[in-house]
Amino acid sequence: RYEDAERDHHDHLIDMNSGEVIEFVDSEIEELQERIAARLGYTLKGHKLELYGVPIKPKVQ
């Protein structure tokens, strides 16, 4: 999946039923990734996060 590098960073949640891609930003996830990289002795320069799921409640058509 191609993403424009000039856009603000975001992650993806992909609806496995419909294929819808939901873009989101979560500061807790961003901070956790930085801490994990540092604990492993790295400076994080980038990442790609895709979450896959199905809706808890059916979507109303």
N, C-alpha and C. Protein backbone atom coordinates (compact mmCIF):
# COMPACT_ATOMS: atom_id res chain seq x y z
N ARG A 1 0.86 -1.17 0.00
CA ARG A 1 0.00 0.00 0.00
C ARG A 1 0.90 1.23 0.00
N TYR A 2 0.75 2.09 -0.99
CA TYR A 2 1.55 3.31 -1.12
C TYR A 2 0.94 4.42 -0.29
N GLU A 3 1.78 5.10 0.46
CA GLU A 3 1.34 6.26 1.25
C GLU A 3 2.23 7.44 0.88
N ASP A 4 1.65 8.60 0.75
CA ASP A 4 2.39 9.82 0.48
C ASP A 4 3.23 10.17 1.70
N ALA A 5 4.54 10.22 1.54
CA ALA A 5 5.45 10.48 2.65
C ALA A 5 5.29 11.88 3.23
N GLU A 6 4.70 12.78 2.49
CA GLU A 6 4.53 14.15 2.97
C GLU A 6 3.38 14.29 3.96
N ARG A 7 2.48 13.32 4.00
CA ARG A 7 1.33 13.40 4.90
C ARG A 7 1.77 13.17 6.33
N ASP A 8 0.96 13.66 7.28
CA ASP A 8 1.23 13.40 8.68
C ASP A 8 1.14 11.91 8.93
N HIS A 9 1.97 11.43 9.87
CA HIS A 9 1.99 10.00 10.17
C HIS A 9 0.66 9.55 10.76
N HIS A 10 0.27 8.34 10.40
CA HIS A 10 -0.92 7.72 10.96
C HIS A 10 -0.78 6.21 10.81
N ASP A 11 -1.60 5.48 11.53
CA ASP A 11 -1.63 4.03 11.44
C ASP A 11 -2.97 3.61 10.85
N HIS A 12 -3.14 2.31 10.64
CA HIS A 12 -4.35 1.82 9.98
C HIS A 12 -5.03 0.72 10.78
N LEU A 13 -6.35 0.76 10.79
CA LEU A 13 -7.19 -0.35 11.25
C LEU A 13 -7.98 -0.79 10.03
N ILE A 14 -7.85 -2.06 9.67
CA ILE A 14 -8.48 -2.57 8.47
C ILE A 14 -9.64 -3.48 8.85
N ASP A 15 -10.84 -3.12 8.37
CA ASP A 15 -12.05 -3.91 8.61
C ASP A 15 -11.98 -5.14 7.71
N MET A 16 -11.86 -6.32 8.32
CA MET A 16 -11.70 -7.55 7.55
C MET A 16 -12.98 -7.96 6.82
N ASN A 17 -14.13 -7.42 7.21
CA ASN A 17 -15.38 -7.73 6.52
C ASN A 17 -15.54 -6.89 5.26
N SER A 18 -15.31 -5.60 5.39
CA SER A 18 -15.59 -4.69 4.27
C SER A 18 -14.34 -4.24 3.52
N GLY A 19 -13.17 -4.40 4.14
CA GLY A 19 -11.94 -3.90 3.52
C GLY A 19 -11.70 -2.42 3.79
N GLU A 20 -12.62 -1.78 4.52
CA GLU A 20 -12.45 -0.36 4.85
C GLU A 20 -11.15 -0.15 5.63
N VAL A 21 -10.41 0.89 5.28
CA VAL A 21 -9.18 1.24 5.98
C VAL A 21 -9.45 2.51 6.78
N ILE A 22 -9.30 2.39 8.10
CA ILE A 22 -9.54 3.51 9.00
C ILE A 22 -8.19 4.03 9.45
N GLU A 23 -7.91 5.30 9.17
CA GLU A 23 -6.65 5.92 9.59
C GLU A 23 -6.83 6.50 10.98
N PHE A 24 -5.81 6.32 11.83
CA PHE A 24 -5.88 6.87 13.18
C PHE A 24 -4.49 7.24 13.66
N VAL A 25 -4.46 8.10 14.68
CA VAL A 25 -3.22 8.48 15.37
C VAL A 25 -3.46 8.27 16.85
N ASP A 26 -2.51 7.63 17.53
CA ASP A 26 -2.64 7.39 18.96
C ASP A 26 -1.29 7.66 19.61
N SER A 27 -1.23 8.71 20.42
CA SER A 27 0.05 9.11 21.03
C SER A 27 0.61 8.03 21.94
N GLU A 28 -0.24 7.24 22.59
CA GLU A 28 0.25 6.16 23.46
C GLU A 28 1.00 5.11 22.65
N ILE A 29 0.47 4.75 21.48
CA ILE A 29 1.14 3.78 20.62
C ILE A 29 2.47 4.34 20.14
N GLU A 30 2.48 5.61 19.74
CA GLU A 30 3.71 6.23 19.27
C GLU A 30 4.79 6.22 20.36
N GLU A 31 4.41 6.59 21.57
CA GLU A 31 5.36 6.61 22.69
C GLU A 31 5.85 5.21 23.02
N LEU A 32 4.97 4.22 22.99
CA LEU A 32 5.35 2.84 23.28
C LEU A 32 6.37 2.32 22.26
N GLN A 33 6.16 2.63 21.00
CA GLN A 33 7.11 2.19 19.96
C GLN A 33 8.48 2.80 20.19
N GLU A 34 8.52 4.08 20.57
CA GLU A 34 9.80 4.74 20.87
C GLU A 34 10.50 4.05 22.05
N ARG A 35 9.73 3.74 23.10
CA ARG A 35 10.32 3.08 24.28
C ARG A 35 10.84 1.69 23.95
N ILE A 36 10.10 0.95 23.16
CA ILE A 36 10.54 -0.40 22.78
C ILE A 36 11.84 -0.32 21.98
N ALA A 37 11.90 0.57 21.01
CA ALA A 37 13.11 0.72 20.20
C ALA A 37 14.29 1.10 21.10
N ALA A 38 14.10 2.05 22.02
CA ALA A 38 15.18 2.48 22.91
C ALA A 38 15.64 1.34 23.81
N ARG A 39 14.69 0.57 24.33
CA ARG A 39 15.04 -0.56 25.20
C ARG A 39 15.89 -1.59 24.45
N LEU A 40 15.65 -1.71 23.15
CA LEU A 40 16.41 -2.65 22.33
C LEU A 40 17.67 -2.03 21.75
N GLY A 41 17.93 -0.76 22.12
CA GLY A 41 19.16 -0.09 21.69
C GLY A 41 19.07 0.59 20.34
N TYR A 42 17.88 1.03 19.96
CA TYR A 42 17.69 1.66 18.66
C TYR A 42 17.02 3.02 18.80
N THR A 43 17.29 3.88 17.82
CA THR A 43 16.53 5.10 17.64
C THR A 43 15.54 4.82 16.52
N LEU A 44 14.27 4.96 16.80
CA LEU A 44 13.23 4.66 15.82
C LEU A 44 13.21 5.74 14.74
N LYS A 45 13.29 5.33 13.50
CA LYS A 45 13.27 6.27 12.37
C LYS A 45 11.97 6.19 11.58
N GLY A 46 11.17 5.19 11.83
CA GLY A 46 9.90 5.05 11.13
C GLY A 46 9.27 3.72 11.49
N HIS A 47 8.02 3.58 11.11
CA HIS A 47 7.33 2.32 11.33
C HIS A 47 6.07 2.27 10.49
N LYS A 48 5.51 1.08 10.40
CA LYS A 48 4.24 0.86 9.70
C LYS A 48 3.41 -0.04 10.60
N LEU A 49 2.21 0.41 10.95
CA LEU A 49 1.33 -0.37 11.82
C LEU A 49 -0.01 -0.55 11.13
N GLU A 50 -0.39 -1.82 10.94
CA GLU A 50 -1.70 -2.16 10.40
C GLU A 50 -2.37 -3.12 11.36
N LEU A 51 -3.53 -2.74 11.85
CA LEU A 51 -4.33 -3.60 12.71
C LEU A 51 -5.47 -4.16 11.87
N TYR A 52 -5.81 -5.42 12.10
CA TYR A 52 -6.89 -6.08 11.36
C TYR A 52 -7.96 -6.50 12.34
N GLY A 53 -9.22 -6.21 12.04
CA GLY A 53 -10.29 -6.58 12.95
C GLY A 53 -11.64 -6.63 12.27
N VAL A 54 -12.62 -7.09 13.04
CA VAL A 54 -14.01 -7.10 12.59
C VAL A 54 -14.81 -6.27 13.57
N PRO A 55 -15.86 -5.59 13.10
CA PRO A 55 -16.65 -4.75 13.98
C PRO A 55 -17.29 -5.56 15.11
N ILE A 56 -17.33 -4.98 16.30
CA ILE A 56 -18.00 -5.61 17.43
C ILE A 56 -19.50 -5.63 17.17
N LYS A 57 -20.01 -4.52 16.65
CA LYS A 57 -21.44 -4.41 16.31
C LYS A 57 -21.55 -4.27 14.80
N PRO A 58 -22.55 -4.93 14.20
CA PRO A 58 -22.74 -4.76 12.75
C PRO A 58 -23.01 -3.30 12.41
N LYS A 59 -22.47 -2.85 11.28
CA LYS A 59 -22.71 -1.48 10.84
C LYS A 59 -24.11 -1.37 10.25
N VAL A 60 -24.79 -0.27 10.56
CA VAL A 60 -26.12 -0.01 10.03
C VAL A 60 -25.98 0.45 8.59
N GLN A 61 -26.71 -0.16 7.70
CA GLN A 61 -26.63 0.18 6.27
C GLN A 61 -27.44 1.40 5.95
